[in-house]
Amino acid sequence: MARAASGVAAAALALGVGHLVASFGNPAASPLVAVGSALVDAAPTPAKTFAVRVLGTYDKPVLIGAVGVVLVVVAAVLGLVATRHRAVALAGTALLGVVGAACAVYRGGAADALPSVVAGVAGVAGLLWITSRDRGAAAPRPADLAVVPVPGRTPAGAATTPTPSRRGFLVAVGVVAAGAAVSAAAGTVVGRVRDASSAARRALGLPAPASPAPPLPEGVQLPGMTPFTTPVDDFYRVDISLVTPHVDASSWTLTVDGMVDTPLTLTYDDLLAMPMIERDITLTCVSNEVGGPYVSSGRWLGVPFAEILKRVGVQPGVDQVFSYSLDSGYTASTPYQAVTDGRDAMIAVGLDGKPLADDRGYPARMLVPGLFGFVANTKWLERIELTTYAKRTAYWTERGWATDGPILTQSRIDVPKSLGTLPSDKPVLAGVAWAQHRGIDKVEVQIDDGEWQEASLATDGGIDLWRQWSFRFEGPAGLHSARVRATDATGQTQPEARTKVFPDGARGWHQIQFTSE
């Protein structure tokens, strides 16, 4: 057991040192994160879809945990192997560092290999030091043999070296484990210092919009319903990042180039100095299952895309806006038409009156109403290339998802929850419906396979926002089922037939069962 622990301690030291080194540069290059991120990229689309559906926002912690468990098992085996084959165990430990470095380079650049390289060296050194104190380990080379004194037979002047002891071995394991903890803690401290610097920059606030959002009309919010404007902390989050990128706005730049007359590079201050618009917009993820939670609404502040395009001068032939994220090579392709047809496409810097949080894409992200996030809402934005679909293929398109991603007409029952109870003093079903950039004209409810009945709609906040609805239930007490469907402003009613989220979004009617008192 102690020898297995020696391998685990050495691996922990490697991870701690790698985490510390990565904290000074790119946290995503930390060995464990780099390997996990490479697995995310390599996983087939059905596996990713299954993980999001079953685990939701916990998919990333579960993946990191799984990689960690596998590493612990491998490290324990290497610790046992070191008892008789130390060279093999040391080579295996070094190989783990090589794997981490390869994964980091695959997702980033050559510089991202450094944390894993240093981690590999630290792991080898730690295991070598521990095993040198293991009296049961493989016999050392002849040149390293100690001369053990025998009473009455030790030559005069001969050097004597004490044999390794079990106590010394256990102490070595403890020292290496402590080094791992100290390294990991130091990396965390460095990260928090960087976060504090970012927080200080954000504390300076945001400029007033040149075009503020009008107040939401009275009646958009139904009593006891899902908040019409989603609290920032409750806003859904789906992305490929295993660790949230922490970007220093003081050194961040946004490049706009490609098929343009005048390429542009903007600092964060440059961006904040440009005319801003403020708009209420509902976002939806293509991974949202029928009745799912990946839809949220907020008040966004940003630079209108039209202003960016005016400054660079777009050349003929452009049909896509290709955006690059600081999130380990993530890219998205947005139809050029969608940022030039008058909708409120923007480079967003604020949400609900505050600068973007790190996990919302700070310092800037794209936002295009009416499109699923995977083709339009790139977070941690670093470059925008005006180009063609023939020249560039985005991250998710390469993995089989749709090239275009218009948001589908969808609806959801929020009250009561499935298998919940509808009280006799307030027998009202309620929910939300959305069809961003088209708007919702009608919502219908069906009880127990009966006739479709029209629900009451809350006040319309605008075509880029979801809309709440309610329906008074007047049936008998007992167990019932309810289904909902919406019709958008173009007259299209969401279809009954269920489809999976892959490749362009889930379709179908949300259905629940409930008990009426």
Protein backbone atom coordinates (compact mmCIF):
# COMPACT_ATOMS: atom_id res chain seq x y z
CA MET A 1 0.00 0.00 0.00
CA ALA A 2 2.79 2.40 0.91
CA ARG A 3 4.54 1.73 -2.38
CA ALA A 4 1.35 2.43 -4.32
CA ALA A 5 1.11 5.67 -2.36
CA SER A 6 4.60 6.60 -3.51
CA GLY A 7 3.43 6.64 -7.12
CA VAL A 8 0.32 8.62 -6.23
CA ALA A 9 2.42 11.15 -4.27
CA ALA A 10 4.79 11.61 -7.21
CA ALA A 11 1.85 12.10 -9.59
CA ALA A 12 0.27 14.60 -7.20
CA LEU A 13 3.54 16.53 -7.08
CA ALA A 14 3.60 16.58 -10.88
CA LEU A 15 0.03 17.90 -11.06
CA GLY A 16 0.66 20.50 -8.36
CA VAL A 17 3.78 21.81 -10.05
CA GLY A 18 2.08 21.76 -13.46
CA HIS A 19 -0.87 23.69 -12.05
CA LEU A 20 1.48 26.27 -10.56
CA VAL A 21 3.39 26.79 -13.80
CA ALA A 22 0.15 27.02 -15.81
CA SER A 23 -1.27 29.63 -13.43
CA PHE A 24 1.38 32.11 -14.59
CA GLY A 25 0.36 31.70 -18.22
CA ASN A 26 -2.58 29.73 -19.55
CA PRO A 27 -4.54 27.85 -16.83
CA ALA A 28 -6.04 25.62 -19.51
CA ALA A 29 -2.53 24.21 -20.11
CA SER A 30 -2.51 22.62 -16.64
CA PRO A 31 -1.81 18.89 -17.30
CA LEU A 32 -5.08 17.48 -15.98
CA VAL A 33 -7.13 20.11 -17.81
CA ALA A 34 -5.15 19.70 -21.03
CA VAL A 35 -5.78 15.95 -21.09
CA GLY A 36 -9.45 16.38 -20.24
CA SER A 37 -9.89 19.03 -22.93
CA ALA A 38 -8.25 16.80 -25.53
CA LEU A 39 -10.68 14.04 -24.58
CA VAL A 40 -13.57 16.45 -25.07
CA ASP A 41 -12.31 17.27 -28.56
CA ALA A 42 -11.76 13.62 -29.43
CA ALA A 43 -15.09 12.35 -28.09
CA PRO A 44 -17.69 11.51 -30.75
CA THR A 45 -20.67 13.83 -30.99
CA PRO A 46 -23.18 11.29 -29.57
CA ALA A 47 -21.02 10.95 -26.45
CA LYS A 48 -20.91 14.71 -25.96
CA THR A 49 -24.65 15.04 -26.47
CA PHE A 50 -25.29 12.22 -23.99
CA ALA A 51 -23.01 13.84 -21.40
CA VAL A 52 -24.79 17.20 -21.67
CA ARG A 53 -28.23 15.55 -21.52
CA VAL A 54 -27.46 13.33 -18.51
CA LEU A 55 -24.99 15.45 -16.56
CA GLY A 56 -25.96 18.97 -17.63
CA THR A 57 -23.52 21.58 -16.34
CA TYR A 58 -21.79 18.91 -14.24
CA ASP A 59 -20.33 17.20 -17.30
CA LYS A 60 -16.99 18.98 -17.01
CA PRO A 61 -16.36 18.32 -13.29
CA VAL A 62 -17.28 14.67 -13.85
CA LEU A 63 -14.82 14.42 -16.75
CA ILE A 64 -12.02 16.03 -14.74
CA GLY A 65 -12.80 13.69 -11.85
CA ALA A 66 -12.73 10.66 -14.15
CA VAL A 67 -9.36 11.66 -15.60
CA GLY A 68 -8.08 12.17 -12.06
CA VAL A 69 -9.25 8.71 -10.97
CA VAL A 70 -7.55 7.07 -13.95
CA LEU A 71 -4.35 8.98 -13.15
CA VAL A 72 -4.45 7.85 -9.51
CA VAL A 73 -4.81 4.21 -10.60
CA VAL A 74 -1.96 4.47 -13.12
CA ALA A 75 0.24 6.28 -10.61
CA ALA A 76 -0.43 3.62 -7.96
CA VAL A 77 0.55 0.89 -10.41
CA LEU A 78 3.75 2.76 -11.27
CA GLY A 79 4.53 3.01 -7.56
CA LEU A 80 4.20 -0.75 -7.22
CA VAL A 81 6.24 -1.38 -10.36
CA ALA A 82 9.02 0.82 -8.97
CA THR A 83 9.67 -1.80 -6.27
CA ARG A 84 11.29 -4.14 -8.77
CA HIS A 85 11.59 -2.11 -11.97
CA ARG A 86 12.37 1.45 -11.02
CA ALA A 87 13.53 2.47 -14.49
CA VAL A 88 10.21 1.30 -15.97
CA ALA A 89 8.23 3.28 -13.37
CA LEU A 90 10.31 6.41 -13.98
CA ALA A 91 9.81 6.08 -17.74
CA GLY A 92 6.06 5.65 -17.21
CA THR A 93 5.92 8.78 -15.07
CA ALA A 94 7.82 10.73 -17.70
CA LEU A 95 5.44 9.40 -20.35
CA LEU A 96 2.49 10.87 -18.46
CA GLY A 97 4.17 14.25 -18.73
CA VAL A 98 4.66 13.74 -22.46
CA VAL A 99 0.97 12.89 -22.89
CA GLY A 100 -0.01 16.06 -21.04
CA ALA A 101 2.36 18.15 -23.16
CA ALA A 102 1.05 16.64 -26.40
CA CYS A 103 -2.55 17.34 -25.39
CA ALA A 104 -1.69 20.93 -24.43
CA VAL A 105 0.06 21.60 -27.75
CA TYR A 106 -2.79 19.97 -29.66
CA ARG A 107 -5.31 22.40 -28.10
CA GLY A 108 -3.07 25.45 -27.85
CA GLY A 109 0.49 26.19 -28.88
CA ALA A 110 4.05 25.10 -28.19
CA ALA A 111 4.31 27.27 -25.07
CA ASP A 112 1.39 25.38 -23.52
CA ALA A 113 3.58 22.26 -23.28
CA LEU A 114 5.74 23.84 -20.56
CA PRO A 115 3.49 23.04 -17.56
CA SER A 116 3.32 19.34 -18.48
CA VAL A 117 7.05 19.15 -19.23
CA VAL A 118 7.90 20.66 -15.85
CA ALA A 119 5.28 18.40 -14.26
CA GLY A 120 6.89 15.34 -15.81
CA VAL A 121 10.31 16.33 -14.49
CA ALA A 122 8.87 16.94 -11.02
CA GLY A 123 7.06 13.60 -11.03
CA VAL A 124 10.18 11.68 -12.06
CA ALA A 125 12.30 13.48 -9.48
CA GLY A 126 9.75 12.84 -6.75
CA LEU A 127 9.43 9.14 -7.54
CA LEU A 128 13.21 8.74 -7.86
CA TRP A 129 13.77 10.37 -4.48
CA ILE A 130 11.12 8.25 -2.78
CA THR A 131 12.27 4.94 -4.25
CA SER A 132 15.88 5.64 -3.30
CA ARG A 133 14.68 5.33 0.28
CA ASP A 134 12.79 2.08 -0.24
CA ARG A 135 14.81 -0.80 1.15
CA GLY A 136 12.65 -3.26 -0.76
CA ALA A 137 13.13 -1.62 -4.13
CA ALA A 138 15.18 -3.00 -6.97
CA ALA A 139 18.84 -3.41 -6.16
CA PRO A 140 20.91 -0.38 -7.15
CA ARG A 141 23.64 -0.50 -9.71
CA PRO A 142 27.06 -1.75 -8.53
CA ALA A 143 28.45 1.75 -8.52
CA ASP A 144 25.71 2.84 -6.13
CA LEU A 145 26.15 -0.08 -3.67
CA ALA A 146 26.72 0.98 -0.10
CA VAL A 147 29.41 -0.70 1.96
CA VAL A 148 27.63 -2.20 4.92
CA PRO A 149 29.99 -2.60 7.88
CA VAL A 150 30.45 -6.03 9.40
CA PRO A 151 31.89 -6.09 12.92
CA GLY A 152 35.54 -6.90 12.78
CA ARG A 153 35.62 -7.07 8.99
CA THR A 154 35.17 -3.50 7.77
CA PRO A 155 38.37 -2.29 6.12
CA ALA A 156 39.96 0.66 7.80
CA GLY A 157 38.85 3.97 6.29
CA ALA A 158 36.05 2.35 4.28
CA ALA A 159 32.97 4.56 3.91
CA THR A 160 29.75 3.28 5.36
CA THR A 161 26.23 4.15 4.22
CA PRO A 162 23.15 3.19 6.21
CA THR A 163 20.60 1.03 4.39
CA PRO A 164 17.29 2.71 3.53
CA SER A 165 14.68 2.35 6.25
CA ARG A 166 10.90 1.99 6.04
CA ARG A 167 10.54 5.09 8.16
CA GLY A 168 12.70 7.08 5.77
CA PHE A 169 10.61 5.79 2.86
CA LEU A 170 7.34 6.86 4.48
CA VAL A 171 8.79 10.25 5.37
CA ALA A 172 9.81 10.71 1.74
CA VAL A 173 6.27 9.89 0.58
CA GLY A 174 4.91 12.46 3.03
CA VAL A 175 7.39 15.14 1.97
CA VAL A 176 6.53 14.67 -1.71
CA ALA A 177 2.79 14.75 -0.92
CA ALA A 178 3.30 17.96 1.06
CA GLY A 179 5.19 19.44 -1.88
CA ALA A 180 2.23 18.58 -4.10
CA ALA A 181 -0.16 20.37 -1.75
CA VAL A 182 2.06 23.44 -1.48
CA SER A 183 2.46 23.66 -5.28
CA ALA A 184 -1.26 23.33 -5.89
CA ALA A 185 -2.04 25.94 -3.23
CA ALA A 186 0.52 28.33 -4.70
CA GLY A 187 -1.06 27.94 -8.14
CA THR A 188 -4.46 28.72 -6.66
CA VAL A 189 -3.06 31.83 -4.97
CA VAL A 190 -1.55 33.05 -8.24
CA GLY A 191 -4.90 32.53 -9.95
CA ARG A 192 -6.73 34.50 -7.28
CA VAL A 193 -4.26 37.35 -7.57
CA ARG A 194 -4.98 37.47 -11.30
CA ASP A 195 -8.70 37.37 -10.56
CA ALA A 196 -8.34 40.27 -8.14
CA SER A 197 -6.60 42.33 -10.80
CA SER A 198 -9.41 41.56 -13.25
CA ALA A 199 -12.03 42.44 -10.63
CA ALA A 200 -10.34 45.79 -10.01
CA ARG A 201 -10.53 46.59 -13.74
CA ARG A 202 -14.19 45.64 -13.88
CA ALA A 203 -14.94 47.78 -10.84
CA LEU A 204 -14.37 50.81 -13.06
CA GLY A 205 -17.75 50.04 -14.59
CA LEU A 206 -19.18 50.47 -18.06
CA PRO A 207 -20.03 53.51 -20.19
CA ALA A 208 -23.60 54.67 -20.60
CA PRO A 209 -25.21 53.34 -23.78
CA ALA A 210 -25.76 55.71 -26.66
CA SER A 211 -28.96 53.75 -27.32
CA PRO A 212 -30.39 52.50 -24.00
CA ALA A 213 -32.92 49.70 -23.81
CA PRO A 214 -36.47 50.88 -23.15
CA PRO A 215 -38.03 49.73 -19.88
CA LEU A 216 -39.68 46.33 -20.13
CA PRO A 217 -43.43 46.83 -20.43
CA GLU A 218 -45.65 46.03 -17.48
CA GLY A 219 -47.09 42.54 -17.59
CA VAL A 220 -44.14 40.65 -19.10
CA GLN A 221 -43.71 38.86 -15.76
CA LEU A 222 -46.44 36.57 -14.48
CA PRO A 223 -46.75 36.16 -10.69
CA GLY A 224 -45.00 33.09 -9.31
CA MET A 225 -43.36 32.28 -12.64
CA THR A 226 -39.80 31.89 -13.89
CA PRO A 227 -38.06 35.31 -13.67
CA PHE A 228 -38.46 37.10 -16.98
CA THR A 229 -34.93 38.51 -16.63
CA THR A 230 -32.64 35.70 -15.53
CA PRO A 231 -30.39 36.46 -12.53
CA VAL A 232 -26.78 36.52 -13.76
CA ASP A 233 -25.76 33.67 -11.46
CA ASP A 234 -28.57 31.50 -12.84
CA PHE A 235 -27.81 32.17 -16.50
CA TYR A 236 -27.22 28.90 -18.32
CA ARG A 237 -23.69 28.07 -19.40
CA VAL A 238 -22.63 25.58 -22.07
CA ASP A 239 -19.14 25.68 -23.61
CA ILE A 240 -16.15 23.43 -24.24
CA SER A 241 -13.94 24.98 -21.56
CA LEU A 242 -13.03 22.71 -18.62
CA VAL A 243 -11.71 25.72 -16.71
CA THR A 244 -13.08 29.21 -17.05
CA PRO A 245 -10.66 31.43 -18.98
CA HIS A 246 -9.50 34.40 -16.92
CA VAL A 247 -8.52 37.16 -19.33
CA ASP A 248 -6.54 40.25 -18.38
CA ALA A 249 -8.43 43.08 -20.07
CA SER A 250 -5.41 45.39 -19.84
CA SER A 251 -3.51 43.24 -22.35
CA TRP A 252 -6.47 41.81 -24.28
CA THR A 253 -7.10 42.85 -27.89
CA LEU A 254 -9.74 42.07 -30.48
CA THR A 255 -8.60 41.74 -34.07
CA VAL A 256 -11.03 42.18 -36.98
CA ASP A 257 -9.55 41.14 -40.31
CA GLY A 258 -10.01 38.89 -43.32
CA MET A 259 -11.75 40.19 -46.41
CA VAL A 260 -11.74 43.82 -45.26
CA ASP A 261 -10.22 47.07 -46.48
CA THR A 262 -8.83 48.18 -43.14
CA PRO A 263 -7.97 45.48 -40.56
CA LEU A 264 -8.66 46.64 -37.03
CA THR A 265 -7.16 45.85 -33.63
CA LEU A 266 -9.06 47.09 -30.60
CA THR A 267 -8.07 47.18 -26.94
CA TYR A 268 -10.67 46.86 -24.22
CA ASP A 269 -10.59 50.63 -23.69
CA ASP A 270 -10.99 51.16 -27.45
CA LEU A 271 -14.07 48.98 -27.40
CA LEU A 272 -15.57 50.79 -24.40
CA ALA A 273 -15.03 54.13 -26.14
CA MET A 274 -17.21 53.14 -29.09
CA PRO A 275 -20.96 53.90 -29.23
CA MET A 276 -22.89 51.28 -27.24
CA ILE A 277 -26.36 49.82 -27.52
CA GLU A 278 -28.33 48.18 -24.70
CA ARG A 279 -30.89 45.50 -25.51
CA ASP A 280 -32.97 42.81 -23.78
CA ILE A 281 -32.27 39.51 -25.53
CA THR A 282 -33.04 35.86 -24.77
CA LEU A 283 -30.31 33.31 -25.54
CA THR A 284 -30.83 29.61 -26.24
CA CYS A 285 -28.41 26.70 -26.60
CA VAL A 286 -28.76 24.14 -29.36
CA SER A 287 -28.17 21.46 -26.69
CA ASN A 288 -31.45 22.34 -24.99
CA GLU A 289 -33.76 19.33 -24.87
CA VAL A 290 -37.52 19.78 -25.22
CA GLY A 291 -38.55 21.50 -21.99
CA GLY A 292 -34.91 21.96 -21.02
CA PRO A 293 -33.20 24.69 -18.96
CA TYR A 294 -30.69 26.11 -21.45
CA VAL A 295 -32.55 29.33 -22.21
CA SER A 296 -32.05 32.61 -20.32
CA SER A 297 -32.83 36.27 -20.78
CA GLY A 298 -30.83 39.38 -19.89
CA ARG A 299 -30.09 43.02 -20.67
CA TRP A 300 -26.94 43.21 -22.77
CA LEU A 301 -24.60 46.14 -23.46
CA GLY A 302 -22.28 46.17 -26.42
CA VAL A 303 -20.93 47.71 -29.60
CA PRO A 304 -23.30 47.20 -32.54
CA PHE A 305 -21.81 44.93 -35.16
CA ALA A 306 -22.69 47.47 -37.81
CA GLU A 307 -20.21 49.91 -36.23
CA ILE A 308 -17.41 47.33 -36.46
CA LEU A 309 -18.21 46.55 -40.09
CA LYS A 310 -18.34 50.25 -41.01
CA ARG A 311 -14.84 50.80 -39.65
CA VAL A 312 -13.17 47.89 -41.45
CA GLY A 313 -14.94 48.09 -44.82
CA VAL A 314 -16.17 44.64 -45.89
CA GLN A 315 -15.13 43.42 -49.32
CA PRO A 316 -17.46 41.70 -51.82
CA GLY A 317 -17.94 37.95 -51.48
CA VAL A 318 -18.05 37.68 -47.69
CA ASP A 319 -20.73 35.26 -46.50
CA GLN A 320 -19.66 34.37 -42.98
CA VAL A 321 -18.30 35.96 -39.82
CA PHE A 322 -15.75 33.55 -38.38
CA SER A 323 -15.03 34.20 -34.72
CA TYR A 324 -12.15 32.88 -32.63
CA SER A 325 -12.24 32.35 -28.88
CA LEU A 326 -9.48 32.31 -26.27
CA ASP A 327 -11.11 29.06 -25.15
CA SER A 328 -8.56 26.58 -26.50
CA GLY A 329 -9.14 26.92 -30.21
CA TYR A 330 -12.93 27.26 -30.23
CA THR A 331 -14.38 28.89 -33.37
CA ALA A 332 -17.87 29.73 -34.61
CA SER A 333 -19.31 30.62 -37.99
CA THR A 334 -22.10 33.20 -38.18
CA PRO A 335 -23.98 33.99 -41.40
CA TYR A 336 -22.90 37.43 -42.60
CA GLN A 337 -26.53 38.17 -43.42
CA ALA A 338 -27.43 37.84 -39.71
CA VAL A 339 -25.15 40.70 -38.68
CA THR A 340 -26.21 43.02 -41.50
CA ASP A 341 -30.02 42.64 -41.62
CA GLY A 342 -30.78 45.19 -38.91
CA ARG A 343 -31.06 42.91 -35.90
CA ASP A 344 -29.19 43.94 -32.72
CA ALA A 345 -26.02 41.89 -33.30
CA MET A 346 -23.27 43.18 -31.03
CA ILE A 347 -19.90 42.68 -29.38
CA ALA A 348 -21.23 42.50 -25.83
CA VAL A 349 -19.25 43.74 -22.82
CA GLY A 350 -21.96 43.88 -20.17
CA LEU A 351 -24.90 41.93 -18.78
CA ASP A 352 -27.59 43.40 -16.52
CA GLY A 353 -25.65 46.59 -15.85
CA LYS A 354 -22.30 45.01 -14.99
CA PRO A 355 -19.21 43.97 -16.97
CA LEU A 356 -19.37 40.36 -18.10
CA ALA A 357 -18.36 37.79 -15.51
CA ASP A 358 -15.48 35.49 -16.43
CA ASP A 359 -17.83 32.58 -17.09
CA ARG A 360 -20.02 34.78 -19.31
CA GLY A 361 -17.16 35.62 -21.68
CA TYR A 362 -15.25 38.57 -20.17
CA PRO A 363 -13.96 40.84 -21.54
CA ALA A 364 -16.11 40.56 -24.69
CA ARG A 365 -18.31 38.11 -26.55
CA MET A 366 -20.38 38.02 -29.70
CA LEU A 367 -24.15 38.05 -29.49
CA VAL A 368 -26.54 37.67 -32.43
CA PRO A 369 -30.29 37.46 -31.63
CA GLY A 370 -32.22 34.63 -33.25
CA LEU A 371 -29.31 32.20 -33.63
CA PHE A 372 -28.28 29.34 -31.38
CA GLY A 373 -25.16 30.11 -29.37
CA PHE A 374 -22.92 27.62 -31.15
CA VAL A 375 -23.01 29.68 -34.34
CA ALA A 376 -23.26 33.18 -32.93
CA ASN A 377 -22.35 33.85 -29.30
CA THR A 378 -18.60 33.25 -29.06
CA LYS A 379 -17.30 33.97 -25.55
CA TRP A 380 -13.80 35.20 -24.66
CA LEU A 381 -13.60 36.71 -28.13
CA GLU A 382 -10.15 37.44 -29.58
CA ARG A 383 -10.58 37.64 -33.35
CA ILE A 384 -13.28 38.14 -35.98
CA GLU A 385 -12.49 37.16 -39.56
CA LEU A 386 -14.74 38.24 -42.42
CA THR A 387 -14.48 35.33 -44.83
CA THR A 388 -16.43 32.64 -46.70
CA TYR A 389 -17.84 29.26 -45.77
CA ALA A 390 -15.63 27.73 -48.46
CA LYS A 391 -12.50 28.89 -46.62
CA ARG A 392 -13.34 28.27 -42.95
CA THR A 393 -15.18 25.54 -41.04
CA ALA A 394 -16.06 26.11 -37.39
CA TYR A 395 -15.46 23.88 -34.38
CA TRP A 396 -18.93 22.34 -34.14
CA THR A 397 -19.47 22.14 -37.89
CA GLU A 398 -16.34 19.98 -38.11
CA ARG A 399 -18.08 17.65 -35.64
CA GLY A 400 -21.23 17.24 -37.69
CA TRP A 401 -23.46 19.96 -36.28
CA ALA A 402 -25.43 22.24 -38.58
CA THR A 403 -23.68 25.11 -40.32
CA ASP A 404 -26.56 27.52 -39.73
CA GLY A 405 -28.39 27.64 -36.41
CA PRO A 406 -31.66 29.60 -36.39
CA ILE A 407 -33.43 29.22 -33.05
CA LEU A 408 -36.50 26.99 -33.29
CA THR A 409 -39.96 27.85 -32.06
CA GLN A 410 -40.18 26.18 -28.64
CA SER A 411 -42.25 26.22 -25.45
CA ARG A 412 -42.05 24.84 -21.94
CA ILE A 413 -44.30 24.18 -18.93
CA ASP A 414 -42.72 25.56 -15.76
CA VAL A 415 -45.68 25.45 -13.33
CA PRO A 416 -46.31 22.91 -12.00
CA LYS A 417 -43.19 20.82 -12.32
CA SER A 418 -43.63 17.38 -13.80
CA LEU A 419 -45.32 15.06 -11.26
CA GLY A 420 -46.09 18.14 -9.18
CA THR A 421 -49.39 19.22 -7.66
CA LEU A 422 -51.73 21.92 -8.94
CA PRO A 423 -53.36 23.55 -5.90
CA SER A 424 -57.13 23.98 -5.85
CA ASP A 425 -56.87 27.65 -4.86
CA LYS A 426 -54.68 28.49 -7.86
CA PRO A 427 -55.21 25.90 -10.61
CA VAL A 428 -53.00 27.62 -13.18
CA LEU A 429 -50.44 26.07 -15.50
CA ALA A 430 -47.77 28.47 -16.77
CA GLY A 431 -44.57 28.55 -18.72
CA VAL A 432 -42.51 30.27 -21.39
CA ALA A 433 -42.29 30.17 -25.17
CA TRP A 434 -39.63 31.59 -27.47
CA ALA A 435 -38.85 32.13 -31.14
CA GLN A 436 -36.18 34.82 -31.03
CA HIS A 437 -36.21 37.35 -33.84
CA ARG A 438 -39.68 36.17 -34.90
CA GLY A 439 -41.70 36.49 -31.71
CA ILE A 440 -44.53 34.42 -30.19
CA ASP A 441 -48.14 34.94 -31.33
CA LYS A 442 -49.95 32.03 -29.68
CA VAL A 443 -49.51 29.27 -27.10
CA GLU A 444 -51.89 26.32 -26.79
CA VAL A 445 -52.31 23.71 -24.07
CA GLN A 446 -53.73 20.21 -24.37
CA ILE A 447 -55.03 18.37 -21.30
CA ASP A 448 -55.31 14.56 -21.35
CA ASP A 449 -55.29 14.29 -25.15
CA GLY A 450 -58.30 16.60 -25.40
CA GLU A 451 -58.80 19.61 -27.63
CA TRP A 452 -56.05 22.21 -27.88
CA GLN A 453 -57.01 25.32 -25.90
CA GLU A 454 -55.42 28.74 -26.25
CA ALA A 455 -53.43 30.00 -23.26
CA SER A 456 -53.30 33.60 -22.06
CA LEU A 457 -50.13 35.40 -23.12
CA ALA A 458 -48.22 37.82 -20.93
CA THR A 459 -47.28 41.20 -22.41
CA ASP A 460 -44.88 40.91 -25.33
CA GLY A 461 -41.44 42.31 -24.47
CA GLY A 462 -40.13 42.14 -28.06
CA ILE A 463 -39.33 39.65 -30.79
CA ASP A 464 -35.88 38.85 -29.36
CA LEU A 465 -37.32 37.83 -25.98
CA TRP A 466 -39.20 34.84 -24.66
CA ARG A 467 -42.83 35.25 -23.67
CA GLN A 468 -44.65 33.93 -20.63
CA TRP A 469 -48.07 32.25 -20.78
CA SER A 470 -50.70 30.89 -18.37
CA PHE A 471 -53.67 28.54 -18.56
CA ARG A 472 -56.41 28.04 -15.98
CA PHE A 473 -57.17 24.35 -15.42
CA GLU A 474 -60.83 23.59 -14.79
CA GLY A 475 -60.79 19.81 -14.81
CA PRO A 476 -61.49 17.28 -12.05
CA ALA A 477 -59.10 16.36 -9.24
CA GLY A 478 -56.63 13.58 -9.87
CA LEU A 479 -53.77 12.71 -12.20
CA HIS A 480 -53.60 14.51 -15.57
CA SER A 481 -51.20 15.16 -18.42
CA ALA A 482 -50.55 18.45 -20.18
CA ARG A 483 -48.80 19.34 -23.41
CA VAL A 484 -47.88 22.74 -24.83
CA ARG A 485 -47.10 24.11 -28.27
CA ALA A 486 -46.32 27.60 -29.55
CA THR A 487 -46.91 29.44 -32.81
CA ASP A 488 -44.48 32.16 -33.85
CA ALA A 489 -45.24 35.47 -35.55
CA THR A 490 -44.65 33.95 -38.99
CA GLY A 491 -47.53 31.50 -38.40
CA GLN A 492 -45.31 28.46 -37.90
CA THR A 493 -46.41 26.10 -35.11
CA GLN A 494 -43.80 23.94 -33.44
CA PRO A 495 -44.12 20.33 -34.66
CA GLU A 496 -45.13 17.35 -32.53
CA ALA A 497 -42.48 14.95 -33.85
CA ARG A 498 -39.54 14.71 -31.44
CA THR A 499 -36.00 15.16 -32.71
CA LYS A 500 -32.69 15.01 -30.89
CA VAL A 501 -30.66 18.14 -30.30
CA PHE A 502 -28.11 16.97 -32.88
CA PRO A 503 -27.53 18.45 -35.42
CA ASP A 504 -29.70 21.61 -35.30
CA GLY A 505 -31.83 21.59 -32.14
CA ALA A 506 -34.59 19.58 -30.45
CA ARG A 507 -38.17 19.66 -31.71
CA GLY A 508 -41.39 18.40 -30.15
CA TRP A 509 -44.03 19.28 -27.56
CA HIS A 510 -43.15 19.49 -23.88
CA GLN A 511 -45.36 17.22 -21.79
CA ILE A 512 -45.80 16.78 -18.03
CA GLN A 513 -48.00 14.85 -15.63
CA PHE A 514 -49.51 16.59 -12.63
CA THR A 515 -52.01 16.00 -9.86
CA SER A 516 -54.89 18.41 -9.44
CA GLU A 517 -56.27 18.83 -5.92
